[in-house]
C-alpha cells in the first residue's frame, strides 16, 4: 500500500495477495519475483511450455505481472498459463491459495526463500526446487545466528539448481544435500532482434555526430546522484578538452522513480528527454527533436533493455554503489558491451569475477575512479570495442543452464 502511493498498480488484483484468484490445480508453479527474474527464467519457462506443461507464473511487482502477461499472452489465451501475484507471507494467505489448488511442483527463481511459502508447500508435500539460485557468503553471514538457532528454509526444499559451484557449496553448508550447479539462466536469454534493429536504426538519427554513448543500466534511486554527477563532470570535461560531448542512456530500476529522476537530471543542468517523448511505441525516434543538444535519454519503459544497450558503446551497471548490490551484467555482455560496475558486486560474484578475468568487466572502487575511467575513454576516443570472438567465447562457456536444470527435474520424474 505504501508503494502504491507512487505506483497505483500495486492496488490492482489485490485479492491475489491473500491467496484468492485463479490458480488451476495440477500445474507447475514458477515464482519469479520481479521482471528481472522473469526475463532471466524465460528460456526455462519456454522449455517447460514446449513439454506441454501447464504453468502458473507468480510474481510480486506489477511491472513483472504486466510484462509476463504481455510476453505470454498467447499461452494465457490458450489456457496454458496463468499469471498472478504470489500470496503475502501469511499462513492464512497460503491456506486460501492451497484450498483452491495444489501445484504438482513449485519452482522458486533466484534468491527468493520465503519461509512461510516454503513451509506451506512442505506441509502439503509439494516438491519445491530453487532454480537459477544463489546464496552468497555475505547473505549467509547476515542470517548466521538465526540459521544456527532455527535452521533455514533451504533445508525444507527438495533440491537446488545453483548458479555456480561456489553457490552450490554454500547451499550444502546450510543443510541442503540435493544441489546441482547448473549455471545462470540469463546466458540462455534470446535477444529480441526487433530491439537490435530499432537501436541500430535509431543511432543514425539521434547520434549523427558519432558521439560516444555511455549507458547507465538498472539504476537504483539511492545511487542516482553519483551517476548524475559523473555525467555532469564528463560533459564539462569534454567542453574543456574541446572533444565531442557524450550522449547518456539512463535506465532506472523502478517505474515509481521516473518522474523524480527526470527532475533530478534536469536540475543538474543536463538536457534530458524521456524515451516515451523521444520515441514512438515501436521505437522510432522523433525526427523533430534536436538530438545534438540532448545530453540524456531517460529510459522510462520496461522490457526494452536490449534496445537501450544497443545504443551504447560502454555501460555502467547499476547497484554497484548501493548496499543491496549490483545488478545483472549478462545482457550487456550478450551485446558485446564492455561493462563497468561499482564495488558492491557480492550479488553477482558469478559471473562478475569471470567477466573481470576475461577483460569484459571493470570494477571501480569509488565514484571518482568511475569518472576518471570514463574521462580516459572520452579523451582517447577509444570505446574498447573488443573482438566479437572474445565475447562469443565467454558466452559459449556458460550457455546451457536451462537445459541442465530441466534435466535435473526430469531425472527426478517431476516433469
Protein backbone atom coordinates (compact mmCIF):
# COMPACT_ATOMS: atom_id res chain seq x y z
CA UNK A 1 0.00 0.00 0.00
CA UNK A 2 2.93 2.28 0.73
CA UNK A 3 4.43 1.68 -2.72
CA UNK A 4 1.03 2.19 -4.36
CA UNK A 5 1.21 5.88 -3.49
CA UNK A 6 3.60 6.31 -6.41
CA UNK A 7 2.54 3.30 -8.48
CA UNK A 8 -1.26 2.73 -8.23
CA UNK A 9 -0.90 -0.64 -9.96
CA UNK A 10 0.10 -2.13 -6.59
CA UNK A 11 -3.56 -1.83 -5.57
CA UNK A 12 -4.79 -3.82 -8.56
CA UNK A 13 -5.59 -7.55 -8.25
CA UNK A 14 -5.14 -7.06 -4.51
CA UNK A 15 -7.14 -10.16 -3.52
CA UNK A 16 -4.41 -12.32 -5.07
CA UNK A 17 -2.06 -11.08 -2.34
CA UNK A 18 -4.24 -13.01 0.15
CA UNK A 19 -4.44 -16.23 -1.82
CA UNK A 20 -7.60 -15.60 -3.82
CA UNK A 21 -7.80 -15.56 -7.60
CA UNK A 22 -7.22 -18.02 -10.40
CA UNK A 23 -4.72 -20.85 -9.86
CA UNK A 24 -5.62 -24.14 -11.60
CA UNK A 25 -4.66 -27.38 -9.88
CA UNK A 26 -2.01 -29.77 -11.16
CA UNK A 27 0.18 -27.07 -12.70
CA UNK A 28 3.83 -26.22 -12.23
CA UNK A 29 4.07 -23.02 -10.17
CA UNK A 30 7.07 -20.84 -11.05
CA UNK A 31 7.76 -17.87 -8.80
CA UNK A 32 9.65 -15.01 -10.47
CA UNK A 33 9.52 -12.10 -8.05
CA UNK A 34 10.36 -9.23 -10.40
CA UNK A 35 10.80 -8.54 -14.10
CA UNK A 36 14.49 -9.42 -13.93
CA UNK A 37 13.80 -12.88 -12.57
CA UNK A 38 11.06 -13.46 -15.15
CA UNK A 39 13.23 -12.39 -18.08
CA UNK A 40 16.15 -14.42 -16.78
CA UNK A 41 14.00 -17.53 -16.41
CA UNK A 42 12.10 -17.16 -19.68
CA UNK A 43 14.25 -19.66 -21.65
CA UNK A 44 13.47 -22.25 -18.96
CA UNK A 45 9.77 -21.33 -18.93
CA UNK A 46 9.64 -21.72 -22.71
CA UNK A 47 11.15 -25.20 -22.47
CA UNK A 48 8.51 -26.24 -19.95
CA UNK A 49 5.79 -24.99 -22.30
CA UNK A 50 7.39 -26.94 -25.16
CA UNK A 51 6.94 -30.04 -22.97
CA UNK A 52 3.18 -29.30 -22.67
CA UNK A 53 3.39 -28.30 -19.00
CA UNK A 54 0.64 -26.02 -17.71
CA UNK A 55 2.12 -23.17 -15.68
CA UNK A 56 1.21 -20.67 -13.00
CA UNK A 57 3.65 -17.75 -13.04
CA UNK A 58 3.64 -15.85 -9.76
CA UNK A 59 5.36 -12.53 -9.09
CA UNK A 60 5.47 -9.69 -6.58
CA UNK A 61 5.62 -6.49 -8.63
CA UNK A 62 3.07 -5.03 -11.07
CA UNK A 63 5.84 -4.47 -13.62
CA UNK A 64 6.67 -8.18 -13.61
CA UNK A 65 2.99 -9.16 -13.74
CA UNK A 66 2.27 -6.87 -16.67
CA UNK A 67 5.39 -7.92 -18.57
CA UNK A 68 4.68 -11.63 -18.05
CA UNK A 69 1.08 -11.18 -19.23
CA UNK A 70 2.30 -9.47 -22.39
CA UNK A 71 5.09 -11.95 -23.07
CA UNK A 72 2.83 -14.99 -22.59
CA UNK A 73 -0.42 -13.53 -23.95
CA UNK A 74 -0.99 -16.34 -26.48
CA UNK A 75 -0.36 -19.04 -23.89
CA UNK A 76 -2.69 -17.32 -21.42
CA UNK A 77 -5.42 -17.13 -24.06
CA UNK A 78 -4.94 -20.83 -24.81
CA UNK A 79 -5.33 -21.71 -21.13
CA UNK A 80 -1.76 -22.95 -20.74
CA UNK A 81 -0.53 -20.19 -18.40
CA UNK A 82 -1.95 -18.19 -15.51
CA UNK A 83 -0.09 -15.11 -14.26
CA UNK A 84 -0.83 -13.89 -10.74
CA UNK A 85 0.66 -12.40 -7.59
CA UNK A 86 2.20 -14.70 -5.01
CA UNK A 87 0.30 -14.52 -1.71
CA UNK A 88 1.89 -12.48 1.05
CA UNK A 89 3.88 -14.21 3.78
CA UNK A 90 0.92 -15.19 5.95
CA UNK A 91 -0.18 -18.75 6.68
CA UNK A 92 -3.78 -17.59 6.18
CA UNK A 93 -2.99 -16.37 2.66
CA UNK A 94 -1.41 -19.68 1.67
CA UNK A 95 -4.27 -21.64 3.24
CA UNK A 96 -6.58 -19.72 0.93
CA UNK A 97 -4.28 -20.33 -2.00
CA UNK A 98 -3.84 -24.08 -1.48
CA UNK A 99 -7.52 -24.65 -0.64
CA UNK A 100 -8.33 -23.98 -4.30
CA UNK A 101 -5.46 -25.85 -5.92
CA UNK A 102 -2.37 -27.90 -5.33
CA UNK A 103 0.54 -27.45 -7.76
CA UNK A 104 2.36 -30.66 -8.62
CA UNK A 105 5.69 -28.80 -8.43
CA UNK A 106 6.90 -25.41 -7.17
CA UNK A 107 9.95 -23.73 -8.68
CA UNK A 108 11.33 -20.61 -6.98
CA UNK A 109 13.74 -18.50 -9.02
CA UNK A 110 16.85 -16.64 -7.88
CA UNK A 111 17.31 -15.56 -4.24
CA UNK A 112 13.73 -15.92 -3.04
CA UNK A 113 13.48 -18.12 0.08
CA UNK A 114 10.15 -17.16 1.67
CA UNK A 115 9.84 -19.23 4.88
CA UNK A 116 6.03 -19.43 5.11
CA UNK A 117 5.66 -20.13 1.37
CA UNK A 118 8.22 -22.95 1.54
CA UNK A 119 6.85 -24.31 4.84
CA UNK A 120 3.31 -24.32 3.43
CA UNK A 121 4.47 -26.41 0.47
CA UNK A 122 6.48 -28.74 2.71
CA UNK A 123 3.48 -29.31 4.98
CA UNK A 124 1.38 -30.28 1.95
CA UNK A 125 4.14 -32.49 0.49
CA UNK A 126 4.50 -30.34 -2.63
CA UNK A 127 8.06 -30.66 -4.01
CA UNK A 128 9.89 -27.31 -4.08
CA UNK A 129 13.07 -26.57 -6.04
CA UNK A 130 15.12 -23.41 -6.03
CA UNK A 131 16.22 -22.82 -9.61
CA UNK A 132 18.75 -20.41 -11.08
CA UNK A 133 19.52 -19.79 -7.43
CA UNK A 134 22.40 -18.41 -5.40
CA UNK A 135 23.36 -17.68 -1.84
CA UNK A 136 26.45 -15.60 -1.14
CA UNK A 137 28.79 -15.67 1.84
CA UNK A 138 27.52 -12.20 2.75
CA UNK A 139 23.90 -13.40 2.75
CA UNK A 140 24.85 -16.40 4.88
CA UNK A 141 26.59 -14.16 7.42
CA UNK A 142 23.55 -11.89 7.72
CA UNK A 143 21.32 -14.80 8.76
CA UNK A 144 24.04 -16.79 10.52
CA UNK A 145 22.72 -16.53 14.09
CA UNK A 146 19.10 -17.17 13.08
CA UNK A 147 20.16 -20.15 10.96
CA UNK A 148 22.14 -21.71 13.82
CA UNK A 149 19.19 -21.30 16.19
CA UNK A 150 16.24 -22.17 13.96
CA UNK A 151 17.60 -23.56 10.71
CA UNK A 152 16.99 -22.11 7.24
CA UNK A 153 14.10 -22.58 4.77
CA UNK A 154 16.52 -24.04 2.23
CA UNK A 155 16.60 -27.22 4.35
CA UNK A 156 12.92 -27.81 3.53
CA UNK A 157 13.19 -27.62 -0.26
CA UNK A 158 13.53 -30.75 -2.38
CA UNK A 159 16.59 -29.53 -4.27
CA UNK A 160 18.54 -26.62 -5.68
CA UNK A 161 19.75 -25.81 -9.19
CA UNK A 162 22.56 -23.42 -8.24
CA UNK A 163 24.19 -20.77 -10.42
CA UNK A 164 27.78 -21.86 -9.70
CA UNK A 165 29.89 -24.36 -7.80
CA UNK A 166 30.56 -21.75 -5.12
CA UNK A 167 26.86 -21.15 -4.59
CA UNK A 168 26.26 -24.92 -4.55
CA UNK A 169 28.83 -25.31 -1.74
CA UNK A 170 27.08 -22.56 0.23
CA UNK A 171 23.72 -24.31 -0.10
CA UNK A 172 25.24 -27.59 1.09
CA UNK A 173 26.78 -25.87 4.12
CA UNK A 174 23.27 -24.65 5.04
CA UNK A 175 21.87 -28.15 5.16
CA UNK A 176 20.64 -28.83 1.63
CA UNK A 177 22.10 -32.03 0.15
CA UNK A 178 20.40 -32.19 -3.25
CA UNK A 179 22.29 -29.41 -5.02
CA UNK A 180 23.41 -29.34 -8.65
CA UNK A 181 25.45 -26.43 -10.10
CA UNK A 182 23.81 -25.74 -13.46
CA UNK A 183 24.86 -22.16 -14.31
CA UNK A 184 22.95 -18.93 -14.96
CA UNK A 185 19.71 -18.94 -16.99
CA UNK A 186 20.35 -15.42 -18.29
CA UNK A 187 23.09 -16.72 -20.58
CA UNK A 188 20.31 -18.54 -22.48
CA UNK A 189 18.14 -15.45 -23.00
CA UNK A 190 17.04 -14.91 -26.58
CA UNK A 191 17.97 -11.43 -27.79
CA UNK A 192 14.92 -9.72 -29.37
CA UNK A 193 16.14 -8.85 -32.85
CA UNK A 194 13.47 -6.18 -33.25
CA UNK A 195 15.12 -4.23 -30.41
CA UNK A 196 18.54 -4.62 -32.01
CA UNK A 197 17.30 -3.40 -35.38
CA UNK A 198 15.45 -0.48 -33.77
CA UNK A 199 18.51 0.52 -31.76
CA UNK A 200 20.78 0.40 -34.78
CA UNK A 201 18.33 2.43 -36.88
CA UNK A 202 17.81 4.99 -34.10
CA UNK A 203 21.54 5.72 -33.84
CA UNK A 204 21.61 7.04 -37.39
CA UNK A 205 19.25 9.85 -36.33
CA UNK A 206 19.95 10.54 -32.66
CA UNK A 207 23.75 10.26 -32.95
CA UNK A 208 24.71 11.79 -36.29
CA UNK A 209 27.79 13.40 -34.76
CA UNK A 210 29.13 9.99 -33.67
CA UNK A 211 29.16 10.97 -30.01
CA UNK A 212 30.38 8.37 -27.51
CA UNK A 213 27.29 6.82 -25.91
CA UNK A 214 27.54 5.82 -22.26
CA UNK A 215 24.77 3.77 -20.69
CA UNK A 216 23.68 3.51 -17.06
CA UNK A 217 21.50 0.42 -16.67
CA UNK A 218 19.21 -0.63 -13.81
CA UNK A 219 20.00 2.47 -11.75
CA UNK A 220 18.92 2.44 -8.09
CA UNK A 221 17.39 5.72 -6.97
CA UNK A 222 19.74 5.93 -3.99
CA UNK A 223 22.83 5.92 -6.19
CA UNK A 224 21.43 8.13 -8.96
CA UNK A 225 23.24 11.25 -7.71
CA UNK A 226 26.59 9.50 -8.21
CA UNK A 227 25.84 8.88 -11.88
CA UNK A 228 24.28 12.29 -12.46
CA UNK A 229 27.38 13.98 -11.01
CA UNK A 230 29.56 11.80 -13.22
CA UNK A 231 27.55 12.70 -16.33
CA UNK A 232 27.76 16.38 -15.49
CA UNK A 233 31.52 16.14 -14.87
CA UNK A 234 32.10 14.32 -18.16
CA UNK A 235 30.14 16.93 -20.09
CA UNK A 236 32.23 19.72 -18.54
CA UNK A 237 35.40 17.74 -19.24
CA UNK A 238 34.51 17.32 -22.92
CA UNK A 239 33.90 21.08 -23.20
CA UNK A 240 37.25 21.87 -21.57
CA UNK A 241 39.09 19.49 -23.90
CA UNK A 242 37.07 20.54 -26.98
CA UNK A 243 36.05 16.98 -27.71
CA UNK A 244 32.64 15.67 -28.73
CA UNK A 245 30.35 15.56 -25.72
CA UNK A 246 28.86 12.19 -24.80
CA UNK A 247 25.25 11.08 -25.04
CA UNK A 248 23.95 9.23 -21.99
CA UNK A 249 21.32 6.49 -21.83
CA UNK A 250 19.98 6.42 -18.27
CA UNK A 251 17.69 3.49 -17.36
CA UNK A 252 16.21 3.45 -13.81
CA UNK A 253 15.35 0.25 -11.99
CA UNK A 254 11.82 1.15 -10.78
CA UNK A 255 8.94 2.98 -12.54
CA UNK A 256 7.92 4.94 -9.45
CA UNK A 257 11.14 6.97 -9.64
CA UNK A 258 10.89 8.02 -13.30
CA UNK A 259 9.46 11.46 -12.52
CA UNK A 260 11.84 12.14 -9.64
CA UNK A 261 14.86 11.19 -11.69
CA UNK A 262 13.74 13.27 -14.64
CA UNK A 263 13.55 16.25 -12.26
CA UNK A 264 16.96 15.46 -10.72
CA UNK A 265 18.67 15.24 -14.11
CA UNK A 266 17.02 18.45 -15.36
CA UNK A 267 18.02 20.36 -12.22
CA UNK A 268 21.64 19.24 -12.66
CA UNK A 269 21.86 21.29 -15.85
CA UNK A 270 21.78 18.35 -18.26
CA UNK A 271 19.22 18.37 -21.06
CA UNK A 272 17.09 15.24 -20.79
CA UNK A 273 14.31 13.63 -22.79
CA UNK A 274 12.17 10.65 -21.85
CA UNK A 275 12.05 7.62 -24.08
CA UNK A 276 8.22 7.99 -24.11
CA UNK A 277 8.61 11.50 -25.55
CA UNK A 278 11.55 10.92 -27.88
CA UNK A 279 10.38 7.67 -29.45
CA UNK A 280 7.16 6.19 -30.76
CA UNK A 281 5.68 2.99 -29.35
CA UNK A 282 7.55 0.98 -31.99
CA UNK A 283 10.86 2.66 -31.04
CA UNK A 284 11.09 5.10 -33.93
CA UNK A 285 12.93 8.32 -32.90
CA UNK A 286 11.19 11.68 -33.19
CA UNK A 287 12.93 13.47 -36.08
CA UNK A 288 11.71 16.91 -34.95
CA UNK A 289 13.90 16.78 -31.81
CA UNK A 290 17.33 18.42 -31.88
CA UNK A 291 19.17 15.34 -30.66
CA UNK A 292 22.57 17.08 -30.86
CA UNK A 293 21.55 19.19 -27.87
CA UNK A 294 20.20 16.28 -25.82
CA UNK A 295 22.51 15.04 -23.08
CA UNK A 296 20.43 12.26 -21.53
CA UNK A 297 17.87 9.78 -22.83
CA UNK A 298 15.87 8.65 -19.79
CA UNK A 299 14.58 5.11 -20.25
CA UNK A 300 11.08 5.33 -18.77
CA UNK A 301 9.94 1.93 -20.05
CA UNK A 302 10.41 -1.74 -19.22
CA UNK A 303 11.19 -4.79 -21.30
CA UNK A 304 13.34 -2.74 -23.72
CA UNK A 305 16.77 -3.15 -22.14
CA UNK A 306 18.31 -4.66 -25.25
CA UNK A 307 17.18 -1.61 -27.23
CA UNK A 308 18.81 0.74 -24.72
CA UNK A 309 22.01 -1.31 -24.59
CA UNK A 310 22.26 -1.40 -28.39
CA UNK A 311 22.54 2.40 -28.36
CA UNK A 312 25.58 2.33 -26.05
CA UNK A 313 29.31 1.96 -26.55
CA UNK A 314 30.04 1.31 -22.86
CA UNK A 315 27.67 0.53 -19.99
CA UNK A 316 27.78 1.18 -16.25
CA UNK A 317 25.70 -1.46 -14.44
CA UNK A 318 23.56 -0.06 -11.62
CA UNK A 319 23.57 -1.15 -8.00
CA UNK A 320 27.35 -1.24 -7.65
CA UNK A 321 27.36 1.78 -5.35
CA UNK A 322 24.35 0.62 -3.32
CA UNK A 323 24.26 -1.64 -0.27
CA UNK A 324 21.81 -4.05 -1.94
CA UNK A 325 24.45 -4.91 -4.55
CA UNK A 326 25.00 -4.71 -8.29
CA UNK A 327 22.56 -5.89 -10.92
CA UNK A 328 22.84 -8.18 -13.91
CA UNK A 329 25.71 -7.68 -16.37
CA UNK A 330 24.90 -10.56 -18.73
CA UNK A 331 22.66 -8.66 -21.16
CA UNK A 332 25.46 -6.12 -21.67
CA UNK A 333 27.94 -8.90 -22.41
CA UNK A 334 25.47 -10.57 -24.76
CA UNK A 335 25.51 -7.39 -26.84
CA UNK A 336 29.33 -7.18 -26.66
CA UNK A 337 29.33 -4.04 -24.50
CA UNK A 338 32.24 -3.50 -22.05
CA UNK A 339 30.78 -3.07 -18.56
CA UNK A 340 31.82 -1.03 -15.53
CA UNK A 341 30.39 -1.54 -12.06
CA UNK A 342 30.92 -0.20 -8.54
CA UNK A 343 32.49 -2.23 -5.71
CA UNK A 344 29.29 -3.89 -4.40
CA UNK A 345 29.47 -6.98 -6.62
CA UNK A 346 28.70 -9.56 -3.93
CA UNK A 347 25.27 -10.14 -5.53
CA UNK A 348 26.82 -11.00 -8.91
CA UNK A 349 30.08 -12.68 -7.90
CA UNK A 350 29.21 -15.15 -10.59
CA UNK A 351 29.72 -14.14 -13.36
CA UNK A 352 31.41 -10.85 -12.32
CA UNK A 353 34.73 -12.41 -11.33
CA UNK A 354 34.80 -14.48 -14.52
CA UNK A 355 33.93 -11.46 -16.70
CA UNK A 356 36.56 -9.33 -14.95
CA UNK A 357 39.20 -12.00 -15.54
CA UNK A 358 38.20 -12.15 -19.21
CA UNK A 359 38.64 -8.37 -19.52
CA UNK A 360 34.96 -7.69 -20.20
CA UNK A 361 34.15 -6.06 -16.84
CA UNK A 362 35.85 -3.28 -14.88
CA UNK A 363 35.15 -2.98 -11.14
CA UNK A 364 35.84 0.50 -9.74
CA UNK A 365 36.35 1.21 -6.04
CA UNK A 366 34.56 4.57 -5.82
CA UNK A 367 32.70 7.22 -7.90
CA UNK A 368 35.88 9.20 -8.59
CA UNK A 369 37.51 6.17 -10.22
CA UNK A 370 34.38 5.64 -12.30
CA UNK A 371 34.52 9.21 -13.61
CA UNK A 372 38.30 9.02 -14.20
CA UNK A 373 37.95 5.85 -16.25
CA UNK A 374 35.17 7.35 -18.35
CA UNK A 375 37.25 10.50 -18.89
CA UNK A 376 40.12 8.40 -20.23
CA UNK A 377 37.72 6.71 -22.61
CA UNK A 378 36.44 10.06 -23.87
CA UNK A 379 39.89 11.61 -24.22
CA UNK A 380 41.44 8.69 -26.06
CA UNK A 381 38.34 8.38 -28.25
CA UNK A 382 38.53 4.63 -27.78
CA UNK A 383 35.35 2.75 -26.93
CA UNK A 384 37.07 -0.53 -26.07
CA UNK A 385 35.39 -2.35 -28.90
CA UNK A 386 36.66 -5.82 -28.15
CA UNK A 387 36.64 -8.52 -30.77
CA UNK A 388 33.41 -10.44 -31.16
CA UNK A 389 35.37 -13.64 -30.57
CA UNK A 390 36.27 -12.57 -27.03
CA UNK A 391 32.64 -12.07 -26.07
CA UNK A 392 31.42 -15.11 -28.02
CA UNK A 393 33.95 -17.38 -26.31
CA UNK A 394 32.88 -16.18 -22.88
CA UNK A 395 29.17 -16.62 -23.65
CA UNK A 396 29.68 -20.10 -25.08
CA UNK A 397 31.35 -21.32 -21.90
CA UNK A 398 28.35 -20.51 -19.72
CA UNK A 399 25.41 -21.33 -22.02
CA UNK A 400 23.00 -24.21 -21.42
CA UNK A 401 21.95 -23.68 -17.78
CA UNK A 402 18.23 -24.03 -18.52
CA UNK A 403 18.83 -27.39 -20.22
CA UNK A 404 20.79 -28.66 -17.21
CA UNK A 405 18.10 -27.53 -14.75
CA UNK A 406 15.44 -29.21 -16.85
CA UNK A 407 17.46 -32.44 -16.91
CA UNK A 408 17.72 -32.30 -13.11
CA UNK A 409 13.92 -32.21 -12.78
CA UNK A 410 13.39 -34.86 -15.46
CA UNK A 411 15.78 -37.22 -13.68
CA UNK A 412 13.61 -36.90 -10.57
CA UNK A 413 10.49 -37.71 -12.60
CA UNK A 414 8.90 -34.36 -11.78
CA UNK A 415 8.18 -33.24 -15.33
